[in-house]
């Protein structure tokens, strides 16, 4: 979606997951155990693909800038009555 200042949720997931993986790989040059952070993200993304669910996407969707305005029940009923 362009023009409203927000990114599609899939793009946000790729940015966050990629950033965590990159940070884990770079940190593993100093702290070798940090590679397991990257492995965990990779495992999570694999599981998300196999189950067609995405825990990271669900968490990101709860952020305030990802919440869309929801209509009031009165407005919905008025539109249905028409």
N, C-alpha and C. Protein backbone atom coordinates (compact mmCIF):
# COMPACT_ATOMS: atom_id res chain seq x y z
N UNK A 1 0.85 -1.17 0.00
CA UNK A 1 0.00 0.00 0.00
C UNK A 1 0.89 1.23 0.00
N UNK A 2 0.69 2.15 -0.90
CA UNK A 2 1.52 3.34 -0.97
C UNK A 2 0.68 4.59 -0.74
N UNK A 3 1.33 5.61 -0.23
CA UNK A 3 0.68 6.89 -0.10
C UNK A 3 0.12 7.21 1.27
N UNK A 4 -0.13 6.22 2.10
CA UNK A 4 -0.69 6.52 3.42
C UNK A 4 0.37 6.45 4.52
N UNK A 5 1.63 6.26 4.15
CA UNK A 5 2.71 6.26 5.14
C UNK A 5 2.90 4.96 5.88
N UNK A 6 2.15 3.93 5.53
CA UNK A 6 2.33 2.64 6.20
C UNK A 6 2.82 1.60 5.19
N UNK A 7 3.49 0.61 5.69
CA UNK A 7 3.97 -0.50 4.86
C UNK A 7 3.03 -1.67 5.04
N UNK A 8 2.94 -2.49 4.01
CA UNK A 8 2.19 -3.75 4.14
C UNK A 8 2.82 -4.57 5.25
N UNK A 9 2.01 -5.35 5.92
CA UNK A 9 2.49 -6.15 7.05
C UNK A 9 3.58 -7.13 6.63
N UNK A 10 3.44 -7.72 5.46
CA UNK A 10 4.46 -8.66 4.98
C UNK A 10 5.82 -7.98 4.86
N UNK A 11 5.82 -6.75 4.37
CA UNK A 11 7.07 -5.99 4.23
C UNK A 11 7.66 -5.69 5.60
N UNK A 12 6.81 -5.36 6.56
CA UNK A 12 7.29 -5.09 7.92
C UNK A 12 7.93 -6.34 8.52
N UNK A 13 7.31 -7.50 8.30
CA UNK A 13 7.86 -8.76 8.82
C UNK A 13 9.23 -9.02 8.20
N UNK A 14 9.34 -8.82 6.89
CA UNK A 14 10.64 -9.04 6.23
C UNK A 14 11.70 -8.11 6.80
N UNK A 15 11.35 -6.85 7.05
CA UNK A 15 12.30 -5.89 7.61
C UNK A 15 12.74 -6.30 9.01
N UNK A 16 11.78 -6.61 9.87
CA UNK A 16 12.12 -6.97 11.25
C UNK A 16 12.91 -8.27 11.30
N UNK A 17 12.43 -9.30 10.58
CA UNK A 17 13.12 -10.59 10.59
C UNK A 17 14.52 -10.45 10.01
N UNK A 18 14.63 -9.76 8.89
CA UNK A 18 15.95 -9.55 8.28
C UNK A 18 16.89 -8.78 9.18
N UNK A 19 16.37 -7.77 9.86
CA UNK A 19 17.19 -6.99 10.79
C UNK A 19 17.68 -7.82 11.96
N UNK A 20 16.81 -8.66 12.49
CA UNK A 20 17.22 -9.53 13.61
C UNK A 20 18.27 -10.54 13.14
N UNK A 21 18.07 -11.13 11.97
CA UNK A 21 19.03 -12.11 11.45
C UNK A 21 20.38 -11.44 11.20
N UNK A 22 20.36 -10.29 10.55
CA UNK A 22 21.62 -9.57 10.28
C UNK A 22 22.34 -9.21 11.57
N UNK A 23 21.59 -8.72 12.54
CA UNK A 23 22.18 -8.38 13.84
C UNK A 23 22.77 -9.61 14.51
N UNK A 24 22.05 -10.73 14.44
CA UNK A 24 22.55 -11.97 15.05
C UNK A 24 23.83 -12.45 14.39
N UNK A 25 23.89 -12.36 13.07
CA UNK A 25 25.10 -12.80 12.36
C UNK A 25 26.27 -11.88 12.69
N UNK A 26 26.03 -10.57 12.66
CA UNK A 26 27.12 -9.63 12.99
C UNK A 26 27.57 -9.79 14.43
N UNK A 27 26.63 -9.95 15.34
CA UNK A 27 26.98 -10.11 16.75
C UNK A 27 27.72 -11.42 16.99
N UNK A 28 27.47 -12.42 16.16
CA UNK A 28 28.13 -13.71 16.35
C UNK A 28 29.62 -13.64 16.06
N UNK A 29 30.08 -12.58 15.41
CA UNK A 29 31.53 -12.43 15.21
C UNK A 29 32.23 -12.11 16.52
N UNK A 30 31.49 -11.54 17.46
CA UNK A 30 32.04 -11.22 18.78
C UNK A 30 31.55 -12.23 19.83
N UNK A 31 30.29 -12.60 19.73
CA UNK A 31 29.68 -13.52 20.67
C UNK A 31 29.09 -14.68 19.87
N UNK A 32 29.83 -15.76 19.73
CA UNK A 32 29.40 -16.86 18.84
C UNK A 32 28.00 -17.40 19.11
N UNK A 33 27.54 -17.36 20.33
CA UNK A 33 26.21 -17.89 20.64
C UNK A 33 25.09 -17.06 20.01
N UNK A 34 25.39 -15.85 19.56
CA UNK A 34 24.37 -14.98 18.96
C UNK A 34 23.82 -15.56 17.66
N UNK A 35 24.55 -16.49 17.07
CA UNK A 35 24.06 -17.12 15.83
C UNK A 35 22.74 -17.83 16.05
N UNK A 36 22.46 -18.25 17.29
CA UNK A 36 21.24 -18.97 17.58
C UNK A 36 20.01 -18.06 17.52
N UNK A 37 20.22 -16.77 17.67
CA UNK A 37 19.11 -15.82 17.47
C UNK A 37 18.67 -15.89 16.02
N UNK A 38 19.64 -15.85 15.12
CA UNK A 38 19.34 -15.95 13.69
C UNK A 38 18.70 -17.29 13.35
N UNK A 39 19.20 -18.35 13.97
CA UNK A 39 18.62 -19.68 13.73
C UNK A 39 17.18 -19.73 14.21
N UNK A 40 16.89 -19.11 15.33
CA UNK A 40 15.52 -19.09 15.85
C UNK A 40 14.57 -18.35 14.92
N UNK A 41 15.03 -17.24 14.38
CA UNK A 41 14.19 -16.49 13.43
C UNK A 41 13.97 -17.33 12.17
N UNK A 42 15.01 -17.98 11.69
CA UNK A 42 14.87 -18.85 10.52
C UNK A 42 13.88 -19.97 10.76
N UNK A 43 13.95 -20.58 11.94
CA UNK A 43 13.02 -21.65 12.29
C UNK A 43 11.59 -21.11 12.37
N UNK A 44 11.44 -19.93 12.93
CA UNK A 44 10.11 -19.32 13.03
C UNK A 44 9.52 -19.01 11.66
N UNK A 45 10.35 -18.50 10.75
CA UNK A 45 9.87 -18.21 9.40
C UNK A 45 9.52 -19.49 8.65
N UNK A 46 10.29 -20.54 8.86
CA UNK A 46 9.98 -21.82 8.23
C UNK A 46 8.65 -22.36 8.76
N UNK A 47 8.47 -22.31 10.06
CA UNK A 47 7.21 -22.74 10.65
C UNK A 47 6.04 -21.91 10.16
N UNK A 48 6.26 -20.60 10.01
CA UNK A 48 5.20 -19.73 9.50
C UNK A 48 4.79 -20.12 8.09
N UNK A 49 5.77 -20.46 7.27
CA UNK A 49 5.47 -20.86 5.90
C UNK A 49 4.73 -22.19 5.86
N UNK A 50 5.12 -23.13 6.70
CA UNK A 50 4.50 -24.46 6.70
C UNK A 50 3.07 -24.44 7.25
N UNK A 51 2.81 -23.54 8.20
CA UNK A 51 1.49 -23.50 8.83
C UNK A 51 0.62 -22.38 8.31
N UNK A 52 1.16 -21.54 7.45
CA UNK A 52 0.45 -20.38 6.90
C UNK A 52 -0.04 -19.46 8.01
N UNK A 53 0.79 -19.31 9.04
CA UNK A 53 0.53 -18.37 10.13
C UNK A 53 1.81 -17.57 10.35
N UNK A 54 1.70 -16.46 11.04
CA UNK A 54 2.90 -15.67 11.28
C UNK A 54 2.77 -14.96 12.62
N UNK A 55 3.47 -15.46 13.61
CA UNK A 55 3.42 -14.87 14.95
C UNK A 55 3.98 -13.45 14.92
N UNK A 56 5.05 -13.23 14.16
CA UNK A 56 5.63 -11.89 14.09
C UNK A 56 4.64 -10.92 13.44
N UNK A 57 3.96 -11.38 12.40
CA UNK A 57 2.95 -10.55 11.75
C UNK A 57 1.81 -10.20 12.69
N UNK A 58 1.39 -11.19 13.49
CA UNK A 58 0.32 -10.92 14.45
C UNK A 58 0.75 -9.90 15.49
N UNK A 59 2.02 -9.99 15.94
CA UNK A 59 2.51 -9.01 16.91
C UNK A 59 2.62 -7.63 16.29
N UNK A 60 3.16 -7.57 15.07
CA UNK A 60 3.30 -6.27 14.40
C UNK A 60 1.94 -5.65 14.09
N UNK A 61 0.94 -6.46 13.83
CA UNK A 61 -0.38 -5.92 13.50
C UNK A 61 -1.01 -5.22 14.70
N UNK A 62 -0.53 -5.50 15.89
CA UNK A 62 -1.07 -4.88 17.10
C UNK A 62 -0.46 -3.51 17.39
N UNK A 63 0.58 -3.14 16.65
CA UNK A 63 1.18 -1.82 16.86
C UNK A 63 0.19 -0.74 16.45
N UNK A 64 0.21 0.39 17.14
CA UNK A 64 -0.78 1.45 16.85
C UNK A 64 -0.83 1.89 15.39
N UNK A 65 0.31 2.02 14.74
CA UNK A 65 0.28 2.51 13.35
C UNK A 65 -0.25 1.47 12.37
N UNK A 66 -0.44 0.22 12.81
CA UNK A 66 -1.00 -0.80 11.95
C UNK A 66 -2.49 -1.01 12.17
N UNK A 67 -3.03 -0.36 13.13
CA UNK A 67 -4.47 -0.50 13.39
C UNK A 67 -5.23 0.43 12.46
N UNK A 68 -6.17 -0.11 11.80
CA UNK A 68 -7.02 0.67 10.91
C UNK A 68 -8.23 1.16 11.69
N UNK A 69 -8.76 2.27 11.26
CA UNK A 69 -9.97 2.79 11.90
C UNK A 69 -11.10 1.78 11.71
N UNK A 70 -11.73 1.41 12.79
CA UNK A 70 -12.83 0.46 12.70
C UNK A 70 -14.14 1.24 12.79
N UNK A 71 -15.11 0.87 11.98
CA UNK A 71 -16.38 1.60 11.99
C UNK A 71 -17.17 1.33 13.27
N UNK A 72 -17.96 2.28 13.65
CA UNK A 72 -18.85 2.12 14.79
C UNK A 72 -20.03 1.25 14.37
N UNK A 73 -20.58 0.52 15.31
CA UNK A 73 -21.66 -0.40 15.00
C UNK A 73 -22.88 0.33 14.42
N UNK A 74 -23.12 1.53 14.91
CA UNK A 74 -24.25 2.32 14.41
C UNK A 74 -24.08 2.68 12.94
N UNK A 75 -22.84 3.00 12.56
CA UNK A 75 -22.56 3.33 11.16
C UNK A 75 -22.77 2.10 10.28
N UNK A 76 -22.34 0.95 10.73
CA UNK A 76 -22.50 -0.27 9.97
C UNK A 76 -23.98 -0.60 9.78
N UNK A 77 -24.74 -0.51 10.86
CA UNK A 77 -26.17 -0.82 10.77
C UNK A 77 -26.88 0.17 9.85
N UNK A 78 -26.51 1.45 9.92
CA UNK A 78 -27.13 2.46 9.04
C UNK A 78 -26.83 2.16 7.58
N UNK A 79 -25.61 1.72 7.30
CA UNK A 79 -25.25 1.39 5.91
C UNK A 79 -26.00 0.15 5.44
N UNK A 80 -26.20 -0.81 6.33
CA UNK A 80 -26.92 -2.02 5.95
C UNK A 80 -28.40 -1.72 5.68
N UNK A 81 -28.96 -0.80 6.45
CA UNK A 81 -30.36 -0.42 6.24
C UNK A 81 -30.54 0.38 4.96
N UNK A 82 -29.50 1.05 4.59
CA UNK A 82 -29.39 1.71 3.40
C UNK A 82 -29.93 2.81 2.78
